[in-house]
Amino acid sequence: MMKGRLITSTALLMLISCEEPIELLAPTNLTYIKNAEKTVTLSWERNNDQEGGFTIERKTGNGNYTFLTSKPAKSTSHTDSSLTLYKSYTYRVKATGADDDSEWSNELLLSTWLNAPATLNLSREGVTSYSISWSDNSGCEDGYVIERRVGSGSYTFLAKKAADCTSHIDSGLTIDETYGYRVKATSPEGDSEYSYERTATLAYNIDPPRNLTFTKDNETSIRLDWEDRSENEEGFIIERKVGDADYMLLAEKPADSTSHIDANLTMSQTYVYRVKAISQYKNSE
């Protein structure tokens, strides 16, 4: 009796799942905030749930785009602190994935510059000096240049100040002259715009004496009296004219004087007097 042999054949069925690759959407609304003169923070909107990350490219001026950095998935910002003053930069961002990358975002163009000083002020510093002050509006200046003009003349160099300095005293000025000032920040990469101009006239007021009167001291002497209205005079000058002649210097009196005796006058002669306050800077009327 023949023994039968059972032969079984097993077929292995392999099922291959072919999924469509995920098409990534490009980031949108690429914008920036300027943190400092050489630093900006880029931000964008994500439009995917499954991106692997982001690639940021940058170009300088009219150059070509080059790789700047990569960011992990779900990122929406990047701070670029590798900028140079007085350059223009263009950025773009794309989402990256295992199969393919998205299209690029919108391009973002920005420029860098050195901030100008702000809040320029003048204050009187003594009789013939001004104190010039400003706000330090920059984080990368190497100094400041102050320029001055006299009257309606042109601006000329006045002083160079160190970085972070915010004031300067301009001395030896001329009374009743008008001065204009402006300040700019400086750097090896380029200077800032000028601050706005500040102009002032170096006034010096000395009030004239008033209420000049006389009383007869004796037959050939009179006493002159006046009211001292000034606090900054250095003295007084008394002038006298005889008859129709011109005024001539009669006497000089020290500061705070309020009287003078004119002696040895001539009987029946007419005398006219006037007094003014004086200083090294300016005389009164």
Protein backbone atom coordinates (compact mmCIF):
# COMPACT_ATOMS: atom_id res chain seq x y z
CA MET A 1 0.00 0.00 0.00
CA MET A 2 1.42 3.26 -1.09
CA LYS A 3 1.63 5.88 1.47
CA GLY A 4 0.45 9.26 0.26
CA ARG A 5 2.46 12.44 0.83
CA LEU A 6 0.60 15.69 1.52
CA ILE A 7 2.40 18.62 0.02
CA THR A 8 1.22 22.00 1.09
CA SER A 9 2.30 25.26 -0.50
CA THR A 10 2.14 28.48 1.37
CA ALA A 11 1.95 31.73 -0.58
CA LEU A 12 3.23 34.80 1.22
CA LEU A 13 1.26 37.83 0.36
CA MET A 14 3.01 41.13 0.94
CA LEU A 15 0.89 44.22 1.14
CA ILE A 16 2.73 47.46 0.41
CA SER A 17 1.04 50.64 1.47
CA CYS A 18 1.87 53.55 -0.86
CA GLU A 19 0.87 56.85 0.81
CA GLU A 20 1.01 60.16 -1.02
CA PRO A 21 3.90 62.43 0.18
CA ILE A 22 2.83 65.34 2.36
CA GLU A 23 2.86 68.62 0.47
CA LEU A 24 4.10 71.31 2.83
CA LEU A 25 2.62 74.79 2.69
CA ALA A 26 4.99 77.76 2.68
CA PRO A 27 5.28 79.99 5.78
CA THR A 28 3.42 83.28 5.41
CA ASN A 29 3.49 86.82 6.80
CA LEU A 30 7.26 87.01 7.26
CA THR A 31 7.89 90.22 9.27
CA TYR A 32 10.52 91.63 11.64
CA ILE A 33 11.06 93.72 14.75
CA LYS A 34 14.22 95.81 15.09
CA ASN A 35 15.75 95.00 18.48
CA ALA A 36 18.87 97.14 18.01
CA GLU A 37 20.81 98.74 15.19
CA LYS A 38 22.48 95.42 14.28
CA THR A 39 19.85 92.96 15.52
CA VAL A 40 16.41 92.01 14.20
CA THR A 41 13.91 89.32 15.13
CA LEU A 42 12.14 87.62 12.22
CA SER A 43 8.72 86.06 12.71
CA TRP A 44 6.41 84.07 10.44
CA GLU A 45 3.22 82.04 10.51
CA ARG A 46 3.31 78.22 10.36
CA ASN A 47 0.87 76.59 7.96
CA ASN A 48 1.64 72.90 8.60
CA ASP A 49 1.28 70.43 11.43
CA GLN A 50 3.99 68.04 10.28
CA GLU A 51 6.96 70.06 9.04
CA GLY A 52 10.35 68.83 10.04
CA GLY A 53 11.75 72.31 10.54
CA PHE A 54 12.50 75.56 8.74
CA THR A 55 15.35 76.92 6.65
CA ILE A 56 16.10 80.67 6.60
CA GLU A 57 18.12 82.27 3.84
CA ARG A 58 19.45 85.80 3.62
CA LYS A 59 21.03 87.99 0.97
CA THR A 60 22.92 91.24 1.37
CA GLY A 61 22.17 94.05 -1.05
CA ASN A 62 21.84 92.70 -4.60
CA GLY A 63 23.79 89.53 -3.80
CA ASN A 64 22.60 85.93 -3.88
CA TYR A 65 20.69 84.14 -1.17
CA THR A 66 22.82 82.07 1.19
CA PHE A 67 21.93 79.76 4.07
CA LEU A 68 21.51 81.62 7.34
CA THR A 69 20.20 79.03 9.78
CA SER A 70 17.78 76.15 10.32
CA LYS A 71 15.09 76.08 12.97
CA PRO A 72 13.25 73.12 14.54
CA ALA A 73 9.63 72.21 13.85
CA LYS A 74 6.98 74.56 15.21
CA SER A 75 9.40 77.52 15.25
CA THR A 76 7.93 80.90 14.38
CA SER A 77 10.86 83.29 14.96
CA HIS A 78 14.60 83.80 14.70
CA THR A 79 16.89 86.60 15.96
CA ASP A 80 19.65 87.66 13.60
CA SER A 81 22.38 89.62 15.38
CA SER A 82 25.05 89.37 12.67
CA LEU A 83 24.11 92.51 10.77
CA THR A 84 26.30 95.40 9.64
CA LEU A 85 25.29 99.06 9.64
CA TYR A 86 24.17 100.72 6.42
CA LYS A 87 23.39 97.49 4.60
CA SER A 88 20.15 96.16 3.14
CA TYR A 89 19.15 92.56 3.83
CA THR A 90 16.48 90.32 2.30
CA TYR A 91 15.14 87.21 4.05
CA ARG A 92 13.00 84.21 3.08
CA VAL A 93 11.87 81.11 5.00
CA LYS A 94 10.65 77.67 3.93
CA ALA A 95 9.28 74.67 5.77
CA THR A 96 11.31 71.45 5.43
CA GLY A 97 10.10 67.84 5.47
CA ALA A 98 11.24 64.26 5.01
CA ASP A 99 10.01 64.08 1.42
CA ASP A 100 10.14 67.62 0.17
CA ASP A 101 10.29 71.27 1.23
CA SER A 102 7.66 73.97 0.86
CA GLU A 103 7.85 76.93 -1.42
CA TRP A 104 9.56 80.02 -0.01
CA SER A 105 7.69 82.56 2.06
CA ASN A 106 7.33 86.16 1.02
CA GLU A 107 10.62 88.04 0.82
CA LEU A 108 11.37 90.53 3.59
CA LEU A 109 13.60 93.54 2.88
CA LEU A 110 15.09 95.69 5.66
CA SER A 111 17.95 98.17 6.15
CA THR A 112 20.22 99.02 9.05
CA TRP A 113 21.48 102.38 10.24
CA LEU A 114 23.03 104.13 13.24
CA ASN A 115 20.41 105.89 15.36
CA ALA A 116 20.74 109.66 15.66
CA PRO A 117 20.95 111.37 19.07
CA ALA A 118 17.62 112.56 20.42
CA THR A 119 16.30 115.28 22.74
CA LEU A 120 19.00 117.89 22.12
CA ASN A 121 18.85 120.63 24.77
CA LEU A 122 20.73 123.84 25.63
CA SER A 123 21.04 125.34 29.08
CA ARG A 124 22.97 128.37 30.28
CA GLU A 125 26.20 127.45 32.05
CA GLY A 126 27.57 130.73 33.36
CA VAL A 127 27.55 134.07 31.60
CA THR A 128 29.31 133.03 28.38
CA SER A 129 28.75 129.26 28.21
CA TYR A 130 26.11 126.80 27.09
CA SER A 131 25.70 123.23 28.26
CA ILE A 132 24.66 121.00 25.36
CA SER A 133 22.98 117.70 26.25
CA TRP A 134 21.35 114.90 24.27
CA SER A 135 19.94 111.39 24.66
CA ASP A 136 22.17 108.47 23.67
CA ASN A 137 19.89 106.71 21.21
CA SER A 138 22.46 104.25 19.86
CA GLY A 139 23.99 101.04 21.16
CA CYS A 140 27.02 100.80 18.89
CA GLU A 141 28.42 104.31 18.37
CA ASP A 142 32.12 104.96 18.91
CA GLY A 143 31.57 108.63 19.73
CA TYR A 144 29.74 111.84 18.91
CA VAL A 145 30.55 114.90 16.82
CA ILE A 146 29.14 118.28 17.85
CA GLU A 147 28.87 121.05 15.27
CA ARG A 148 28.08 124.72 15.85
CA ARG A 149 27.16 127.69 13.74
CA VAL A 150 27.35 131.35 14.65
CA GLY A 151 24.54 133.61 13.48
CA SER A 152 23.50 132.66 9.94
CA GLY A 153 26.87 131.07 9.14
CA SER A 154 27.59 127.46 8.23
CA TYR A 155 28.04 124.62 10.69
CA THR A 156 31.63 123.83 11.66
CA PHE A 157 33.20 121.19 13.88
CA LEU A 158 33.09 122.03 17.59
CA ALA A 159 34.02 118.89 19.53
CA LYS A 160 34.42 115.12 19.44
CA LYS A 161 33.03 113.19 22.42
CA ALA A 162 33.48 109.58 23.51
CA ALA A 163 30.90 106.80 23.19
CA ASP A 164 28.03 107.01 25.70
CA CYS A 165 28.76 110.69 26.39
CA THR A 166 25.63 112.86 26.55
CA SER A 167 26.83 116.43 27.21
CA HIS A 168 29.38 119.11 26.34
CA ILE A 169 30.06 122.65 27.63
CA ASP A 170 30.79 125.33 25.04
CA SER A 171 32.61 128.26 26.68
CA GLY A 172 33.97 131.68 25.76
CA LEU A 173 30.92 132.74 23.78
CA THR A 174 29.99 136.27 22.77
CA ILE A 175 27.15 138.11 24.48
CA ASP A 176 24.07 138.74 22.28
CA GLU A 177 25.33 136.35 19.59
CA THR A 178 23.10 133.54 18.26
CA TYR A 179 24.44 130.00 18.26
CA GLY A 180 23.09 126.83 16.65
CA TYR A 181 24.10 123.29 17.61
CA ARG A 182 23.62 119.78 16.21
CA VAL A 183 25.04 116.37 17.16
CA LYS A 184 25.57 113.08 15.33
CA ALA A 185 26.71 109.63 16.41
CA THR A 186 29.76 108.13 14.68
CA SER A 187 30.96 104.61 13.92
CA PRO A 188 33.51 102.95 11.60
CA GLU A 189 30.61 101.71 9.46
CA GLY A 190 29.09 105.18 9.00
CA ASP A 191 27.67 108.11 10.93
CA SER A 192 24.09 108.72 11.98
CA GLU A 193 21.87 111.50 10.77
CA TYR A 194 22.20 114.74 12.73
CA SER A 195 19.95 115.44 15.66
CA TYR A 196 17.54 118.27 15.19
CA GLU A 197 19.04 121.73 15.55
CA ARG A 198 18.86 123.76 18.74
CA THR A 199 19.44 127.54 18.51
CA ALA A 200 19.67 130.21 21.21
CA THR A 201 20.86 133.79 21.63
CA LEU A 202 23.30 134.37 24.46
CA ALA A 203 21.45 137.27 26.05
CA TYR A 204 22.86 139.22 28.95
CA ASN A 205 20.58 141.76 30.56
CA ILE A 206 21.75 144.44 32.92
CA ASP A 207 19.00 146.75 34.11
CA PRO A 208 19.68 150.49 33.97
CA PRO A 209 19.44 152.66 37.08
CA ARG A 210 16.22 154.62 37.44
CA ASN A 211 14.76 157.52 39.41
CA LEU A 212 17.88 159.68 39.07
CA THR A 213 17.41 162.73 41.26
CA PHE A 214 19.54 165.47 42.76
CA THR A 215 19.57 167.58 45.88
CA LYS A 216 21.62 170.70 46.50
CA ASP A 217 24.40 169.92 48.92
CA ASN A 218 25.67 173.52 49.10
CA GLU A 219 26.04 176.43 46.68
CA THR A 220 28.66 174.62 44.55
CA SER A 221 27.79 170.95 45.17
CA ILE A 222 24.89 168.66 44.40
CA ARG A 223 24.12 165.11 45.44
CA LEU A 224 22.97 162.62 42.82
CA ASP A 225 20.85 159.64 43.90
CA TRP A 226 19.51 156.73 41.84
CA GLU A 227 17.90 153.35 42.29
CA ASP A 228 20.09 150.30 41.65
CA ARG A 229 17.87 147.85 39.71
CA SER A 230 20.56 145.41 38.63
CA GLU A 231 22.11 142.48 40.47
CA ASN A 232 24.94 141.83 38.04
CA GLU A 233 26.57 145.22 37.51
CA GLU A 234 30.24 145.67 38.25
CA GLY A 235 29.89 149.39 38.76
CA PHE A 236 28.33 152.61 37.48
CA ILE A 237 29.44 155.38 35.16
CA ILE A 238 28.20 158.92 35.70
CA GLU A 239 28.34 161.33 32.78
CA ARG A 240 27.73 165.06 32.83
CA LYS A 241 27.33 167.75 30.25
CA VAL A 242 27.74 171.45 30.84
CA GLY A 243 25.34 173.69 28.96
CA ASP A 244 25.05 172.54 25.33
CA ALA A 245 28.33 170.59 25.33
CA ASP A 246 28.59 166.82 24.90
CA TYR A 247 28.39 164.36 27.75
CA MET A 248 31.74 163.69 29.43
CA LEU A 249 32.77 161.09 31.97
CA LEU A 250 32.32 162.48 35.45
CA ALA A 251 32.94 159.51 37.76
CA GLU A 252 33.00 155.74 38.09
CA LYS A 253 31.34 154.17 41.11
CA PRO A 254 31.61 150.61 42.47
CA ALA A 255 28.82 148.02 42.31
CA ASP A 256 25.77 148.66 44.49
CA SER A 257 26.44 152.43 44.63
CA THR A 258 23.35 154.64 44.70
CA SER A 259 24.75 158.17 45.08
CA HIS A 260 27.50 160.61 44.14
CA ILE A 261 28.42 164.18 45.15
CA ASP A 262 29.51 166.52 42.37
CA ALA A 263 31.46 169.44 43.90
CA ASN A 264 33.15 172.62 42.72
CA LEU A 265 30.35 173.59 40.36
CA THR A 266 30.05 177.01 38.78
CA MET A 267 27.26 179.29 39.88
CA SER A 268 24.51 179.99 37.31
CA GLN A 269 25.75 177.12 35.05
CA THR A 270 23.43 174.38 33.74
CA TYR A 271 24.43 170.77 34.34
CA VAL A 272 22.81 167.60 32.99
CA TYR A 273 23.59 164.12 34.38
CA ARG A 274 23.03 160.50 33.40
CA VAL A 275 24.05 157.18 34.98
CA LYS A 276 24.44 153.67 33.59
CA ALA A 277 25.34 150.28 35.04
CA ILE A 278 28.43 148.58 33.61
CA SER A 279 29.95 145.09 33.44
CA GLN A 280 32.70 143.38 31.48
CA TYR A 281 30.07 141.80 29.27
CA LYS A 282 27.60 144.56 28.60
CA ASN A 283 26.49 147.98 29.83
CA SER A 284 22.97 149.09 30.56
CA GLU A 285 21.18 151.84 28.75
